[in-house]
Amino acid sequence: LNKVDFKEVVLSDTIMVPEGKKIDKIKVLSVAPLFAKAIKIIHDEKSISSLFL
């Protein structure tokens, strides 16, 4: 990936990137805020459809 013409590759933190495979072009985003929001919405007995927009 270091040799290709990508600015960055974005992954979620649900996919582990081994230490030896990490490169500057990989950006890892946390899914924790999305899961927290989904749990709150479900707890409040509301629709989670807004999470898919």
PDB file of N, CA and C in Angstrom:
ATOM      1  N   LEU A   1       0.815  -1.205   0.000  1.00  0.00           N
ATOM      2  CA  LEU A   1       0.000   0.000   0.000  1.00  0.00           C
ATOM      3  C   LEU A   1       0.851   1.259   0.000  1.00  0.00           C
ATOM      4  N   ASN A   2       2.060   1.161   0.484  1.00  0.00           N
ATOM      5  CA  ASN A   2       2.927   2.342   0.479  1.00  0.00           C
ATOM      6  C   ASN A   2       3.285   2.780  -0.934  1.00  0.00           C
ATOM      7  N   LYS A   3       3.236   1.851  -1.889  1.00  0.00           N
ATOM      8  CA  LYS A   3       3.660   2.148  -3.254  1.00  0.00           C
ATOM      9  C   LYS A   3       2.520   2.595  -4.158  1.00  0.00           C
ATOM     10  N   VAL A   4       1.274   2.446  -3.740  1.00  0.00           N
ATOM     11  CA  VAL A   4       0.133   2.833  -4.571  1.00  0.00           C
ATOM     12  C   VAL A   4      -0.217   4.295  -4.343  1.00  0.00           C
ATOM     13  N   ASP A   5      -0.975   4.842  -5.282  1.00  0.00           N
ATOM     14  CA  ASP A   5      -1.285   6.272  -5.254  1.00  0.00           C
ATOM     15  C   ASP A   5      -2.584   6.558  -4.496  1.00  0.00           C
ATOM     16  N   PHE A   6      -2.710   6.025  -3.285  1.00  0.00           N
ATOM     17  CA  PHE A   6      -3.843   6.315  -2.415  1.00  0.00           C
ATOM     18  C   PHE A   6      -3.411   7.342  -1.388  1.00  0.00           C
ATOM     19  N   LYS A   7      -4.333   8.223  -1.042  1.00  0.00           N
ATOM     20  CA  LYS A   7      -4.047   9.150   0.054  1.00  0.00           C
ATOM     21  C   LYS A   7      -4.071   8.402   1.378  1.00  0.00           C
ATOM     22  N   GLU A   8      -5.134   7.577   1.569  1.00  0.00           N
ATOM     23  CA  GLU A   8      -5.238   6.768   2.778  1.00  0.00           C
ATOM     24  C   GLU A   8      -6.250   5.659   2.575  1.00  0.00           C
ATOM     25  N   VAL A   9      -6.145   4.636   3.402  1.00  0.00           N
ATOM     26  CA  VAL A   9      -7.106   3.539   3.460  1.00  0.00           C
ATOM     27  C   VAL A   9      -7.735   3.615   4.842  1.00  0.00           C
ATOM     28  N   VAL A  10      -9.057   3.658   4.888  1.00  0.00           N
ATOM     29  CA  VAL A  10      -9.761   3.814   6.161  1.00  0.00           C
ATOM     30  C   VAL A  10     -10.384   2.476   6.554  1.00  0.00           C
ATOM     31  N   LEU A  11     -10.079   2.037   7.762  1.00  0.00           N
ATOM     32  CA  LEU A  11     -10.625   0.801   8.318  1.00  0.00           C
ATOM     33  C   LEU A  11     -11.309   1.114   9.641  1.00  0.00           C
ATOM     34  N   SER A  12     -12.225   0.238  10.027  1.00  0.00           N
ATOM     35  CA  SER A  12     -12.797   0.386  11.366  1.00  0.00           C
ATOM     36  C   SER A  12     -11.942  -0.413  12.344  1.00  0.00           C
ATOM     37  N   ASP A  13     -12.087  -0.128  13.612  1.00  0.00           N
ATOM     38  CA  ASP A  13     -11.299  -0.852  14.605  1.00  0.00           C
ATOM     39  C   ASP A  13     -11.862  -2.243  14.899  1.00  0.00           C
ATOM     40  N   THR A  14     -12.792  -2.689  14.058  1.00  0.00           N
ATOM     41  CA  THR A  14     -13.277  -4.064  14.156  1.00  0.00           C
ATOM     42  C   THR A  14     -12.342  -5.009  13.416  1.00  0.00           C
ATOM     43  N   ILE A  15     -11.417  -4.448  12.659  1.00  0.00           N
ATOM     44  CA  ILE A  15     -10.406  -5.229  11.944  1.00  0.00           C
ATOM     45  C   ILE A  15      -9.054  -4.899  12.567  1.00  0.00           C
ATOM     46  N   MET A  16      -8.418  -5.897  13.156  1.00  0.00           N
ATOM     47  CA  MET A  16      -7.130  -5.649  13.794  1.00  0.00           C
ATOM     48  C   MET A  16      -6.031  -5.545  12.741  1.00  0.00           C
ATOM     49  N   VAL A  17      -5.225  -4.518  12.849  1.00  0.00           N
ATOM     50  CA  VAL A  17      -4.065  -4.361  11.976  1.00  0.00           C
ATOM     51  C   VAL A  17      -2.838  -4.712  12.817  1.00  0.00           C
ATOM     52  N   PRO A  18      -2.173  -5.822  12.491  1.00  0.00           N
ATOM     53  CA  PRO A  18      -0.999  -6.219  13.272  1.00  0.00           C
ATOM     54  C   PRO A  18       0.081  -5.140  13.245  1.00  0.00           C
ATOM     55  N   GLU A  19       0.837  -5.033  14.329  1.00  0.00           N
ATOM     56  CA  GLU A  19       1.878  -4.005  14.447  1.00  0.00           C
ATOM     57  C   GLU A  19       2.814  -4.001  13.241  1.00  0.00           C
ATOM     58  N   GLY A  20       3.217  -5.149  12.774  1.00  0.00           N
ATOM     59  CA  GLY A  20       4.149  -5.233  11.652  1.00  0.00           C
ATOM     60  C   GLY A  20       3.549  -4.824  10.322  1.00  0.00           C
ATOM     61  N   LYS A  21       2.230  -4.701  10.255  1.00  0.00           N
ATOM     62  CA  LYS A  21       1.535  -4.359   9.010  1.00  0.00           C
ATOM     63  C   LYS A  21       1.055  -2.918   8.970  1.00  0.00           C
ATOM     64  N   LYS A  22       1.214  -2.177  10.055  1.00  0.00           N
ATOM     65  CA  LYS A  22       0.727  -0.796  10.095  1.00  0.00           C
ATOM     66  C   LYS A  22       1.599   0.095   9.216  1.00  0.00           C
ATOM     67  N   ILE A  23       0.934   0.921   8.415  1.00  0.00           N
ATOM     68  CA  ILE A  23       1.635   1.882   7.571  1.00  0.00           C
ATOM     69  C   ILE A  23       0.949   3.237   7.717  1.00  0.00           C
ATOM     70  N   ASP A  24       1.626   4.274   7.281  1.00  0.00           N
ATOM     71  CA  ASP A  24       1.090   5.630   7.430  1.00  0.00           C
ATOM     72  C   ASP A  24      -0.221   5.842   6.683  1.00  0.00           C
ATOM     73  N   LYS A  25      -0.458   5.090   5.605  1.00  0.00           N
ATOM     74  CA  LYS A  25      -1.658   5.295   4.793  1.00  0.00           C
ATOM     75  C   LYS A  25      -2.900   4.640   5.385  1.00  0.00           C
ATOM     76  N   ILE A  26      -2.764   3.873   6.456  1.00  0.00           N
ATOM     77  CA  ILE A  26      -3.926   3.237   7.087  1.00  0.00           C
ATOM     78  C   ILE A  26      -4.418   4.122   8.225  1.00  0.00           C
ATOM     79  N   LYS A  27      -5.705   4.489   8.142  1.00  0.00           N
ATOM     80  CA  LYS A  27      -6.345   5.270   9.205  1.00  0.00           C
ATOM     81  C   LYS A  27      -7.422   4.388   9.829  1.00  0.00           C
ATOM     82  N   VAL A  28      -7.383   4.210  11.124  1.00  0.00           N
ATOM     83  CA  VAL A  28      -8.336   3.348  11.826  1.00  0.00           C
ATOM     84  C   VAL A  28      -9.324   4.224  12.584  1.00  0.00           C
ATOM     85  N   LEU A  29     -10.615   4.002  12.297  1.00  0.00           N
ATOM     86  CA  LEU A  29     -11.683   4.747  12.965  1.00  0.00           C
ATOM     87  C   LEU A  29     -12.383   3.841  13.977  1.00  0.00           C
ATOM     88  N   SER A  30     -12.760   4.399  15.097  1.00  0.00           N
ATOM     89  CA  SER A  30     -13.456   3.650  16.140  1.00  0.00           C
ATOM     90  C   SER A  30     -14.948   3.550  15.829  1.00  0.00           C
ATOM     91  N   VAL A  31     -15.500   2.370  16.068  1.00  0.00           N
ATOM     92  CA  VAL A  31     -16.946   2.188  15.912  1.00  0.00           C
ATOM     93  C   VAL A  31     -17.677   2.384  17.240  1.00  0.00           C
ATOM     94  N   ALA A  32     -16.933   2.635  18.319  1.00  0.00           N
ATOM     95  CA  ALA A  32     -17.532   2.775  19.655  1.00  0.00           C
ATOM     96  C   ALA A  32     -18.625   3.838  19.717  1.00  0.00           C
ATOM     97  N   PRO A  33     -18.420   5.044  19.149  1.00  0.00           N
ATOM     98  CA  PRO A  33     -19.493   6.045  19.219  1.00  0.00           C
ATOM     99  C   PRO A  33     -20.776   5.589  18.511  1.00  0.00           C
ATOM    100  N   LEU A  34     -20.626   4.905  17.390  1.00  0.00           N
ATOM    101  CA  LEU A  34     -21.798   4.405  16.665  1.00  0.00           C
ATOM    102  C   LEU A  34     -22.521   3.334  17.480  1.00  0.00           C
ATOM    103  N   PHE A  35     -21.773   2.401  18.055  1.00  0.00           N
ATOM    104  CA  PHE A  35     -22.385   1.367  18.890  1.00  0.00           C
ATOM    105  C   PHE A  35     -23.071   1.980  20.106  1.00  0.00           C
ATOM    106  N   ALA A  36     -22.436   2.955  20.729  1.00  0.00           N
ATOM    107  CA  ALA A  36     -23.026   3.613  21.901  1.00  0.00           C
ATOM    108  C   ALA A  36     -24.338   4.293  21.537  1.00  0.00           C
ATOM    109  N   LYS A  37     -24.345   4.971  20.391  1.00  0.00           N
ATOM    110  CA  LYS A  37     -25.564   5.650  19.952  1.00  0.00           C
ATOM    111  C   LYS A  37     -26.667   4.633  19.659  1.00  0.00           C
ATOM    112  N   ALA A  38     -26.313   3.524  19.015  1.00  0.00           N
ATOM    113  CA  ALA A  38     -27.299   2.486  18.709  1.00  0.00           C
ATOM    114  C   ALA A  38     -27.888   1.900  19.986  1.00  0.00           C
ATOM    115  N   ILE A  39     -27.052   1.620  20.962  1.00  0.00           N
ATOM    116  CA  ILE A  39     -27.529   1.070  22.234  1.00  0.00           C
ATOM    117  C   ILE A  39     -28.472   2.046  22.925  1.00  0.00           C
ATOM    118  N   LYS A  40     -28.118   3.321  22.924  1.00  0.00           N
ATOM    119  CA  LYS A  40     -28.969   4.351  23.545  1.00  0.00           C
ATOM    120  C   LYS A  40     -30.321   4.433  22.844  1.00  0.00           C
ATOM    121  N   ILE A  41     -30.302   4.453  21.512  1.00  0.00           N
ATOM    122  CA  ILE A  41     -31.548   4.556  20.747  1.00  0.00           C
ATOM    123  C   ILE A  41     -32.440   3.343  21.007  1.00  0.00           C
ATOM    124  N   ILE A  42     -31.836   2.154  21.001  1.00  0.00           N
ATOM    125  CA  ILE A  42     -32.611   0.934  21.252  1.00  0.00           C
ATOM    126  C   ILE A  42     -33.157   0.943  22.681  1.00  0.00           C
ATOM    127  N   HIS A  43     -32.339   1.365  23.634  1.00  0.00           N
ATOM    128  CA  HIS A  43     -32.792   1.454  25.032  1.00  0.00           C
ATOM    129  C   HIS A  43     -33.980   2.411  25.161  1.00  0.00           C
ATOM    130  N   ASP A  44     -33.956   3.494  24.390  1.00  0.00           N
ATOM    131  CA  ASP A  44     -35.048   4.467  24.412  1.00  0.00           C
ATOM    132  C   ASP A  44     -36.233   4.038  23.549  1.00  0.00           C
ATOM    133  N   GLU A  45     -36.164   2.806  23.008  1.00  0.00           N
ATOM    134  CA  GLU A  45     -37.219   2.218  22.178  1.00  0.00           C
ATOM    135  C   GLU A  45     -37.552   3.084  20.968  1.00  0.00           C
ATOM    136  N   LYS A  46     -36.514   3.600  20.315  1.00  0.00           N
ATOM    137  CA  LYS A  46     -36.676   4.395  19.098  1.00  0.00           C
ATOM    138  C   LYS A  46     -36.082   3.634  17.926  1.00  0.00           C
ATOM    139  N   SER A  47     -36.316   4.128  16.734  1.00  0.00           N
ATOM    140  CA  SER A  47     -35.812   3.496  15.519  1.00  0.00           C
ATOM    141  C   SER A  47     -34.340   3.835  15.300  1.00  0.00           C
ATOM    142  N   ILE A  48     -33.567   2.838  14.880  1.00  0.00           N
ATOM    143  CA  ILE A  48     -32.156   3.070  14.579  1.00  0.00           C
ATOM    144  C   ILE A  48     -31.933   3.419  13.104  1.00  0.00           C
ATOM    145  N   SER A  49     -33.013   3.611  12.362  1.00  0.00           N
ATOM    146  CA  SER A  49     -32.874   3.884  10.923  1.00  0.00           C
ATOM    147  C   SER A  49     -32.047   5.136  10.646  1.00  0.00           C
ATOM    148  N   SER A  50     -32.038   6.084  11.569  1.00  0.00           N
ATOM    149  CA  SER A  50     -31.259   7.313  11.368  1.00  0.00           C
ATOM    150  C   SER A  50     -29.756   7.035  11.322  1.00  0.00           C
ATOM    151  N   LEU A  51     -29.333   5.904  11.863  1.00  0.00           N
ATOM    152  CA  LEU A  51     -27.913   5.554  11.848  1.00  0.00           C
ATOM    153  C   LEU A  51     -27.435   5.115  10.466  1.00  0.00           C
ATOM    154  N   PHE A  52     -28.362   4.835   9.568  1.00  0.00           N
ATOM    155  CA  PHE A  52     -28.005   4.329   8.247  1.00  0.00           C
ATOM    156  C   PHE A  52     -28.071   5.396   7.173  1.00  0.00           C
ATOM    157  N   LEU A  53     -28.258   6.635   7.549  1.00  0.00           N
ATOM    158  CA  LEU A  53     -28.340   7.720   6.568  1.00  0.00           C
ATOM    159  C   LEU A  53     -26.999   8.326   6.312  1.00  0.00           C
TER     160      LEU A  53
END
